C-alpha atoms as a PDB file:
ATOM      1  CA  MET A   1     112.486  93.861  74.591  1.00  0.00           C
ATOM      2  CA  PHE A   2     108.790  94.439  73.805  1.00  0.00           C
ATOM      3  CA  ASP A   3     108.017  90.803  74.688  1.00  0.00           C
ATOM      4  CA  ILE A   4     109.885  91.011  77.990  1.00  0.00           C
ATOM      5  CA  LEU A   5     108.485  94.367  79.160  1.00  0.00           C
ATOM      6  CA  ILE A   6     104.956  94.185  77.841  1.00  0.00           C
ATOM      7  CA  GLU A   7     103.657  91.005  76.283  1.00  0.00           C
ATOM      8  CA  LYS A   8     105.061  88.629  78.899  1.00  0.00           C
ATOM      9  CA  ASN A   9     104.406  90.946  81.829  1.00  0.00           C
ATOM     10  CA  PRO A  10     101.912  89.321  84.249  1.00  0.00           C
ATOM     11  CA  GLU A  11     100.349  92.732  84.989  1.00  0.00           C
ATOM     12  CA  PRO A  12      97.793  94.153  82.522  1.00  0.00           C
ATOM     13  CA  ILE A  13      99.421  96.818  80.350  1.00  0.00           C
ATOM     14  CA  PHE A  14      97.994  99.100  77.687  1.00  0.00           C
ATOM     15  CA  ILE A  15      99.426 101.991  75.709  1.00  0.00           C
ATOM     16  CA  TYR A  16      97.269 104.792  74.361  1.00  0.00           C
ATOM     17  CA  ASP A  17      97.824 107.912  72.265  1.00  0.00           C
ATOM     18  CA  LYS A  18      97.947 111.076  74.380  1.00  0.00           C
ATOM     19  CA  GLU A  19      96.204 113.137  71.715  1.00  0.00           C
ATOM     20  CA  ASN A  20      93.154 111.039  70.845  1.00  0.00           C
ATOM     21  CA  LEU A  21      93.283 108.387  73.642  1.00  0.00           C
ATOM     22  CA  ARG A  22      93.158 105.522  71.129  1.00  0.00           C
ATOM     23  CA  PHE A  23      94.809 102.297  72.225  1.00  0.00           C
ATOM     24  CA  LEU A  24      98.093 101.583  70.466  1.00  0.00           C
ATOM     25  CA  GLU A  25      99.005  98.304  72.167  1.00  0.00           C
ATOM     26  CA  VAL A  26      97.803  95.930  74.893  1.00  0.00           C
ATOM     27  CA  ASN A  27      99.264  92.781  76.385  1.00  0.00           C
ATOM     28  CA  LYS A  28      97.666  89.406  77.022  1.00  0.00           C
ATOM     29  CA  ALA A  29      97.059  90.136  80.711  1.00  0.00           C
ATOM     30  CA  ALA A  30      94.949  93.187  79.755  1.00  0.00           C
ATOM     31  CA  VAL A  31      93.004  91.080  77.272  1.00  0.00           C
ATOM     32  CA  ASN A  32      92.312  88.541  80.034  1.00  0.00           C
ATOM     33  CA  LEU A  33      91.252  91.205  82.528  1.00  0.00           C
ATOM     34  CA  TYR A  34      88.897  93.208  80.328  1.00  0.00           C
ATOM     35  CA  GLY A  35      87.639  90.468  78.002  1.00  0.00           C
ATOM     36  CA  TYR A  36      88.304  92.353  74.761  1.00  0.00           C
ATOM     37  CA  SER A  37      90.556  90.828  72.111  1.00  0.00           C
ATOM     38  CA  ARG A  38      93.675  92.727  71.045  1.00  0.00           C
ATOM     39  CA  ASP A  39      92.023  93.654  67.718  1.00  0.00           C
ATOM     40  CA  GLU A  40      88.979  94.989  69.588  1.00  0.00           C
ATOM     41  CA  PHE A  41      91.199  97.052  71.871  1.00  0.00           C
ATOM     42  CA  LEU A  42      92.964  98.628  68.899  1.00  0.00           C
ATOM     43  CA  GLN A  43      89.576  99.850  67.602  1.00  0.00           C
ATOM     44  CA  MET A  44      88.775 101.490  70.942  1.00  0.00           C
ATOM     45  CA  ASP A  45      89.951 104.460  72.967  1.00  0.00           C
ATOM     46  CA  LEU A  46      90.441 104.885  76.704  1.00  0.00           C
ATOM     47  CA  THR A  47      86.955 106.317  77.281  1.00  0.00           C
ATOM     48  CA  ASP A  48      85.420 102.992  76.215  1.00  0.00           C
ATOM     49  CA  LEU A  49      86.578 101.519  79.543  1.00  0.00           C
ATOM     50  CA  TYR A  50      84.559 104.097  81.496  1.00  0.00           C
ATOM     51  CA  ALA A  51      80.846 104.354  82.126  1.00  0.00           C
ATOM     52  CA  PRO A  52      79.408 107.762  81.082  1.00  0.00           C
ATOM     53  CA  GLU A  53      79.148 108.895  84.711  1.00  0.00           C
ATOM     54  CA  ASP A  54      82.877 108.160  85.222  1.00  0.00           C
ATOM     55  CA  ILE A  55      84.221 110.091  82.219  1.00  0.00           C
ATOM     56  CA  GLN A  56      84.744 113.225  84.335  1.00  0.00           C
ATOM     57  CA  THR A  57      86.924 111.198  86.709  1.00  0.00           C
ATOM     58  CA  LEU A  58      89.067 110.229  83.732  1.00  0.00           C
ATOM     59  CA  LEU A  59      89.333 113.818  82.496  1.00  0.00           C
ATOM     60  CA  ASP A  60      90.307 115.061  85.946  1.00  0.00           C
ATOM     61  CA  SER A  61      93.188 112.593  86.070  1.00  0.00           C
ATOM     62  CA  PHE A  62      94.946 114.025  82.996  1.00  0.00           C
ATOM     63  CA  GLY A  63      96.222 117.087  84.817  1.00  0.00           C
ATOM     64  CA  ASP A  64      97.952 114.983  87.442  1.00  0.00           C
ATOM     65  CA  GLU A  65     101.320 114.710  85.679  1.00  0.00           C
ATOM     66  CA  LEU A  66     103.237 115.035  88.966  1.00  0.00           C
ATOM     67  CA  ASN A  67     102.117 111.550  89.976  1.00  0.00           C
ATOM     68  CA  GLU A  68     103.369 109.792  86.861  1.00  0.00           C
ATOM     69  CA  SER A  69     104.853 106.352  87.518  1.00  0.00           C
ATOM     70  CA  ARG A  70     102.863 106.112  90.769  1.00  0.00           C
ATOM     71  CA  PHE A  71      99.717 104.081  91.176  1.00  0.00           C
ATOM     72  CA  SER A  72      96.661 106.324  91.163  1.00  0.00           C
ATOM     73  CA  LYS A  73      93.587 106.235  93.358  1.00  0.00           C
ATOM     74  CA  PRO A  74      91.130 103.535  92.243  1.00  0.00           C
ATOM     75  CA  PHE A  75      89.231 103.925  88.983  1.00  0.00           C
ATOM     76  CA  ARG A  76      86.135 101.994  88.019  1.00  0.00           C
ATOM     77  CA  HIS A  77      86.563 100.342  84.624  1.00  0.00           C
ATOM     78  CA  ARG A  78      83.938  98.497  82.639  1.00  0.00           C
ATOM     79  CA  LYS A  79      84.750  95.090  81.166  1.00  0.00           C
ATOM     80  CA  LYS A  80      83.366  93.706  77.908  1.00  0.00           C
ATOM     81  CA  ASP A  81      80.686  91.703  79.741  1.00  0.00           C
ATOM     82  CA  GLY A  82      79.398  94.881  81.403  1.00  0.00           C
ATOM     83  CA  THR A  83      80.737  94.154  84.877  1.00  0.00           C
ATOM     84  CA  ASN A  84      82.958  96.627  86.696  1.00  0.00           C
ATOM     85  CA  VAL A  85      86.497  96.200  87.933  1.00  0.00           C
ATOM     86  CA  LEU A  86      88.330  98.528  90.330  1.00  0.00           C
ATOM     87  CA  VAL A  87      91.878  99.307  89.235  1.00  0.00           C
ATOM     88  CA  GLU A  88      94.858 101.437  90.164  1.00  0.00           C
ATOM     89  CA  ILE A  89      96.919 102.702  87.233  1.00  0.00           C
ATOM     90  CA  SER A  90     100.529 103.747  86.918  1.00  0.00           C
ATOM     91  CA  LYS A  91     101.106 105.826  83.793  1.00  0.00           C
ATOM     92  CA  THR A  92     104.352 107.006  82.208  1.00  0.00           C
ATOM     93  CA  SER A  93     104.737 109.367  79.265  1.00  0.00           C
ATOM     94  CA  PHE A  94     106.922 108.090  76.429  1.00  0.00           C
ATOM     95  CA  THR A  95     107.177 107.956  72.637  1.00  0.00           C
ATOM     96  CA  PHE A  96     105.683 104.871  70.996  1.00  0.00           C
ATOM     97  CA  ASN A  97     106.015 104.403  67.242  1.00  0.00           C
ATOM     98  CA  GLU A  98     106.725 108.138  66.900  1.00  0.00           C
ATOM     99  CA  ARG A  99     103.601 109.153  68.812  1.00  0.00           C
ATOM    100  CA  GLU A 100     103.358 110.757  72.244  1.00  0.00           C
ATOM    101  CA  ALA A 101     101.748 108.105  74.399  1.00  0.00           C
ATOM    102  CA  HIS A 102     101.049 106.910  77.918  1.00  0.00           C
ATOM    103  CA  PHE A 103     102.366 103.559  79.089  1.00  0.00           C
ATOM    104  CA  ASN A 104      99.930 102.165  81.685  1.00  0.00           C
ATOM    105  CA  ILE A 105     100.380  99.364  84.197  1.00  0.00           C
ATOM    106  CA  VAL A 106      97.037  98.242  85.656  1.00  0.00           C
ATOM    107  CA  LYS A 107      96.552  96.721  89.101  1.00  0.00           C
ATOM    108  CA  ASP A 108      93.228  94.953  89.713  1.00  0.00           C
ATOM    109  CA  ILE A 109      92.248  95.747  93.320  1.00  0.00           C
ATOM    110  CA  THR A 110      88.612  94.606  93.164  1.00  0.00           C
ATOM    111  CA  LYS A 111      89.136  91.685  95.552  1.00  0.00           C
ATOM    112  CA  ASP A 112      91.196  93.845  97.925  1.00  0.00           C
ATOM    113  CA  ILE A 113      88.383  96.407  98.162  1.00  0.00           C
ATOM    114  CA  GLU A 114      85.779  93.702  98.768  1.00  0.00           C
ATOM    115  CA  THR A 115      87.967  92.081 101.415  1.00  0.00           C
ATOM    116  CA  ASP A 116      88.419  95.417 103.166  1.00  0.00           C
ATOM    117  CA  LYS A 117      84.636  95.966 103.186  1.00  0.00           C
ATOM    118  CA  GLN A 118      84.091  92.511 104.653  1.00  0.00           C
ATOM    119  CA  ASN A 119      86.747  93.147 107.303  1.00  0.00           C
ATOM    120  CA  GLN A 120      85.032  96.381 108.305  1.00  0.00           C
ATOM    121  CA  MET A 121      81.725  94.529 108.570  1.00  0.00           C
ATOM    122  CA  LEU A 122      83.245  91.772 110.692  1.00  0.00           C
ATOM    123  CA  LYS A 123      84.943  94.268 112.995  1.00  0.00           C
ATOM    124  CA  SER A 124      81.568  95.874 113.545  1.00  0.00           C
ATOM    125  CA  ILE A 125      79.996  92.488 114.310  1.00  0.00           C
ATOM    126  CA  PHE A 126      82.812  91.566 116.699  1.00  0.00           C
ATOM    127  CA  ALA A 127      82.475  94.889 118.489  1.00  0.00           C
ATOM    128  CA  GLU A 128      78.698  94.718 118.930  1.00  0.00           C
ATOM    129  CA  THR A 129      78.034  91.032 119.599  1.00  0.00           C
ATOM    130  CA  ASP A 130      77.058  90.031 123.138  1.00  0.00           C
ATOM    131  CA  MET A 131      79.627  87.218 123.087  1.00  0.00           C
ATOM    132  CA  MET A 132      83.299  87.525 123.933  1.00  0.00           C
ATOM    133  CA  VAL A 133      85.452  87.575 120.806  1.00  0.00           C
ATOM    134  CA  PHE A 134      89.236  87.168 120.651  1.00  0.00           C
ATOM    135  CA  THR A 135      91.867  86.889 117.983  1.00  0.00           C
ATOM    136  CA  THR A 136      95.165  85.267 118.918  1.00  0.00           C
ATOM    137  CA  ASP A 137      98.371  84.391 117.162  1.00  0.00           C
ATOM    138  CA  ALA A 138      99.114  80.769 116.325  1.00  0.00           C
ATOM    139  CA  SER A 139     100.576  80.206 119.795  1.00  0.00           C
ATOM    140  CA  GLY A 140      97.520  81.522 121.641  1.00  0.00           C
ATOM    141  CA  PHE A 141      98.666  85.011 122.644  1.00  0.00           C
ATOM    142  CA  ILE A 142      95.818  87.520 122.478  1.00  0.00           C
ATOM    143  CA  LYS A 143      95.982  90.176 119.757  1.00  0.00           C
ATOM    144  CA  PHE A 144      92.422  91.516 119.983  1.00  0.00           C
ATOM    145  CA  ALA A 145      89.530  91.305 122.445  1.00  0.00           C
ATOM    146  CA  ASN A 146      86.170  93.000 122.045  1.00  0.00           C
ATOM    147  CA  HIS A 147      84.586  95.151 124.760  1.00  0.00           C
ATOM    148  CA  LYS A 148      82.478  92.232 126.039  1.00  0.00           C
ATOM    149  CA  VAL A 149      85.650  90.609 127.386  1.00  0.00           C
ATOM    150  CA  SER A 150      86.317  93.422 129.848  1.00  0.00           C
ATOM    151  CA  GLU A 151      82.589  93.738 130.581  1.00  0.00           C
ATOM    152  CA  LYS A 152      82.149  90.054 131.487  1.00  0.00           C
ATOM    153  CA  LEU A 153      85.548  89.277 133.031  1.00  0.00           C
ATOM    154  CA  GLY A 154      86.372  92.658 134.555  1.00  0.00           C
ATOM    155  CA  PHE A 155      89.876  92.915 133.073  1.00  0.00           C
ATOM    156  CA  ASP A 156      91.035  96.012 131.242  1.00  0.00           C
ATOM    157  CA  ASN A 157      91.662  94.980 127.634  1.00  0.00           C
ATOM    158  CA  ARG A 158      95.145  96.485 127.834  1.00  0.00           C
ATOM    159  CA  GLU A 159      95.932  93.969 130.578  1.00  0.00           C
ATOM    160  CA  ILE A 160      95.137  90.920 128.495  1.00  0.00           C
ATOM    161  CA  ILE A 161      96.531  91.937 125.090  1.00  0.00           C
ATOM    162  CA  GLN A 162      99.695  89.865 124.507  1.00  0.00           C
ATOM    163  CA  SER A 163      98.763  87.543 127.376  1.00  0.00           C
ATOM    164  CA  SER A 164      97.986  83.853 126.886  1.00  0.00           C
ATOM    165  CA  PHE A 165      94.356  83.043 126.101  1.00  0.00           C
ATOM    166  CA  ALA A 166      94.642  79.917 128.261  1.00  0.00           C
ATOM    167  CA  SER A 167      95.455  82.091 131.280  1.00  0.00           C
ATOM    168  CA  LEU A 168      91.842  83.299 131.318  1.00  0.00           C
ATOM    169  CA  VAL A 169      90.353  79.850 131.992  1.00  0.00           C
ATOM    170  CA  ILE A 170      90.445  77.918 135.245  1.00  0.00           C
ATOM    171  CA  ASP A 171      93.805  76.352 136.095  1.00  0.00           C
ATOM    172  CA  GLU A 172      92.752  72.734 135.561  1.00  0.00           C
ATOM    173  CA  ASP A 173      91.601  73.446 131.974  1.00  0.00           C
ATOM    174  CA  ARG A 174      94.639  75.413 130.752  1.00  0.00           C
ATOM    175  CA  ALA A 175      96.459  72.353 129.471  1.00  0.00           C
ATOM    176  CA  ILE A 176      93.496  71.028 127.520  1.00  0.00           C
ATOM    177  CA  VAL A 177      92.878  74.470 125.951  1.00  0.00           C
ATOM    178  CA  ASN A 178      96.496  74.640 124.797  1.00  0.00           C
ATOM    179  CA  THR A 179      96.687  71.084 123.480  1.00  0.00           C
ATOM    180  CA  THR A 180      93.234  71.021 121.862  1.00  0.00           C
ATOM    181  CA  ILE A 181      93.407  74.431 120.204  1.00  0.00           C
ATOM    182  CA  PHE A 182      96.874  75.894 119.903  1.00  0.00           C
ATOM    183  CA  GLN A 183      98.971  72.745 119.782  1.00  0.00           C
ATOM    184  CA  SER A 184      96.588  70.856 117.519  1.00  0.00           C
ATOM    185  CA  TYR A 185      97.078  70.380 113.778  1.00  0.00           C
ATOM    186  CA  LEU A 186      93.330  70.413 113.139  1.00  0.00           C
ATOM    187  CA  LYS A 187      92.092  72.902 110.529  1.00  0.00           C
ATOM    188  CA  ASP A 188      88.457  72.897 111.662  1.00  0.00           C
ATOM    189  CA  THR A 189      86.627  74.731 114.431  1.00  0.00           C
ATOM    190  CA  VAL A 190      87.286  73.329 117.903  1.00  0.00           C
ATOM    191  CA  VAL A 191      84.539  73.420 120.545  1.00  0.00           C
ATOM    192  CA  LEU A 192      85.346  73.198 124.263  1.00  0.00           C
ATOM    193  CA  GLU A 193      83.411  73.669 127.490  1.00  0.00           C
ATOM    194  CA  THR A 194      85.290  75.337 130.326  1.00  0.00           C
ATOM    195  CA  LYS A 195      85.066  78.029 132.991  1.00  0.00           C
ATOM    196  CA  PHE A 196      86.534  81.535 132.749  1.00  0.00           C
ATOM    197  CA  LYS A 197      87.888  83.431 135.732  1.00  0.00           C
ATOM    198  CA  THR A 198      86.796  86.994 136.416  1.00  0.00           C
ATOM    199  CA  VAL A 199      89.038  89.631 137.925  1.00  0.00           C
ATOM    200  CA  LYS A 200      87.208  89.015 141.235  1.00  0.00           C
ATOM    201  CA  GLY A 201      88.032  85.297 141.153  1.00  0.00           C
ATOM    202  CA  GLU A 202      84.515  84.188 140.165  1.00  0.00           C
ATOM    203  CA  GLU A 203      84.038  81.396 137.632  1.00  0.00           C
ATOM    204  CA  ILE A 204      81.800  81.654 134.543  1.00  0.00           C
ATOM    205  CA  ASP A 205      80.595  78.607 132.597  1.00  0.00           C
ATOM    206  CA  ALA A 206      81.381  78.983 128.913  1.00  0.00           C
ATOM    207  CA  GLU A 207      81.779  77.306 125.546  1.00  0.00           C
ATOM    208  CA  ILE A 208      84.783  78.113 123.360  1.00  0.00           C
ATOM    209  CA  PHE A 209      84.525  78.041 119.567  1.00  0.00           C
ATOM    210  CA  ALA A 210      88.051  78.388 118.167  1.00  0.00           C
ATOM    211  CA  SER A 211      88.547  78.609 114.416  1.00  0.00           C
ATOM    212  CA  PRO A 212      92.032  78.554 112.843  1.00  0.00           C
ATOM    213  CA  ILE A 213      92.885  81.147 110.198  1.00  0.00           C
ATOM    214  CA  ILE A 214      95.026  79.515 107.495  1.00  0.00           C
ATOM    215  CA  ASP A 215      97.749  81.452 105.678  1.00  0.00           C
ATOM    216  CA  PHE A 216      98.840  81.249 102.027  1.00  0.00           C
ATOM    217  CA  ASP A 217     101.123  78.309 102.832  1.00  0.00           C
ATOM    218  CA  GLY A 218      98.403  76.183 104.422  1.00  0.00           C
ATOM    219  CA  GLU A 219      99.700  76.784 107.948  1.00  0.00           C
ATOM    220  CA  THR A 220      97.729  78.143 110.900  1.00  0.00           C
ATOM    221  CA  ASP A 221      98.405  81.869 111.126  1.00  0.00           C
ATOM    222  CA  SER A 222      96.035  82.824 113.942  1.00  0.00           C
ATOM    223  CA  PHE A 223      92.743  81.972 115.645  1.00  0.00           C
ATOM    224  CA  THR A 224      89.360  83.635 115.863  1.00  0.00           C
ATOM    225  CA  ILE A 225      87.735  82.617 119.138  1.00  0.00           C
ATOM    226  CA  VAL A 226      84.095  83.191 120.075  1.00  0.00           C
ATOM    227  CA  VAL A 227      83.129  82.483 123.682  1.00  0.00           C
ATOM    228  CA  LYS A 228      79.544  81.862 124.782  1.00  0.00           C
ATOM    229  CA  THR A 229      79.041  82.428 128.476  1.00  0.00           C
ATOM    230  CA  LYS A 230      76.205  80.829 130.442  1.00  0.00           C
ATOM    231  CA  GLN A 231      73.953  83.813 129.716  1.00  0.00           C
ATOM    232  CA  ASN A 232      74.634  83.570 125.972  1.00  0.00           C
ATOM    233  CA  ILE A 233      73.968  79.825 125.980  1.00  0.00           C
ATOM    234  CA  SER A 234      70.531  80.370 127.497  1.00  0.00           C
ATOM    235  CA  GLU A 235      69.724  82.786 124.672  1.00  0.00           C
ATOM    236  CA  ASN A 236      70.152  79.934 122.156  1.00  0.00           C
ATOM    237  CA  GLU A 237      72.559  81.730 119.848  1.00  0.00           C
ATOM    238  CA  ASN A 238      74.555  79.785 117.301  1.00  0.00           C
ATOM    239  CA  PRO A 239      78.287  80.709 117.274  1.00  0.00           C
ATOM    240  CA  LYS A 240      79.027  77.830 114.875  1.00  0.00           C
ATOM    241  CA  GLU A 241      77.214  79.756 112.168  1.00  0.00           C
ATOM    242  CA  ILE A 242      79.060  82.958 113.100  1.00  0.00           C
ATOM    243  CA  ILE A 243      82.427  81.191 112.876  1.00  0.00           C
ATOM    244  CA  LYS A 244      81.466  79.579 109.576  1.00  0.00           C
ATOM    245  CA  GLU A 245      80.517  82.993 108.154  1.00  0.00           C
ATOM    246  CA  VAL A 246      83.813  84.499 109.312  1.00  0.00           C
END
């Protein structure tokens, strides 16, 4: 039962004594995450995973018994090599080898936090750039459009959300937009020249840079589309580099 619940569990798990916080057991996943061997862990206590400035955060968490068996807010833990890892911890009180202990399941959320920070940064870039930026689903229906779309084309963003991206270009180019971007199996950025229609029926020269977003299964999940209008083109900006960074 120990092997099934702890040692072979893919999530990092450690058990520590409630009274003195010394580690009583750890599994292989915890060893891999923190870099300490099992023998090293058993010579340590819970405070050894915290930098001095974070010890108070640890002490504050002990009075939160109502949230046992739920994942906590993120803690910053220190690995053997000195680097930090952000984790959420689910703890459960139980008796282990006749000692009152806490059973802890650890969830490494470092990459999730970094991804969220990058997403916030990109949203800010998309909102402030002077180019039109869209995201669509795999079929080309618009899910997001920045404020430059309504500013340059005159449409209210609420009008174009869920509409077809191809419907914004001139009639004779709709087919090529659909076949080259949304019906293509290419995984690289597609570049097209076309004209966009404004709400007043005017035409704007533009370049489309459409980059597919690939899901976990290797399939196209959505598209990020940056559009340079004639004014943007004259300013010599480089949307290829923006797409590559995204």
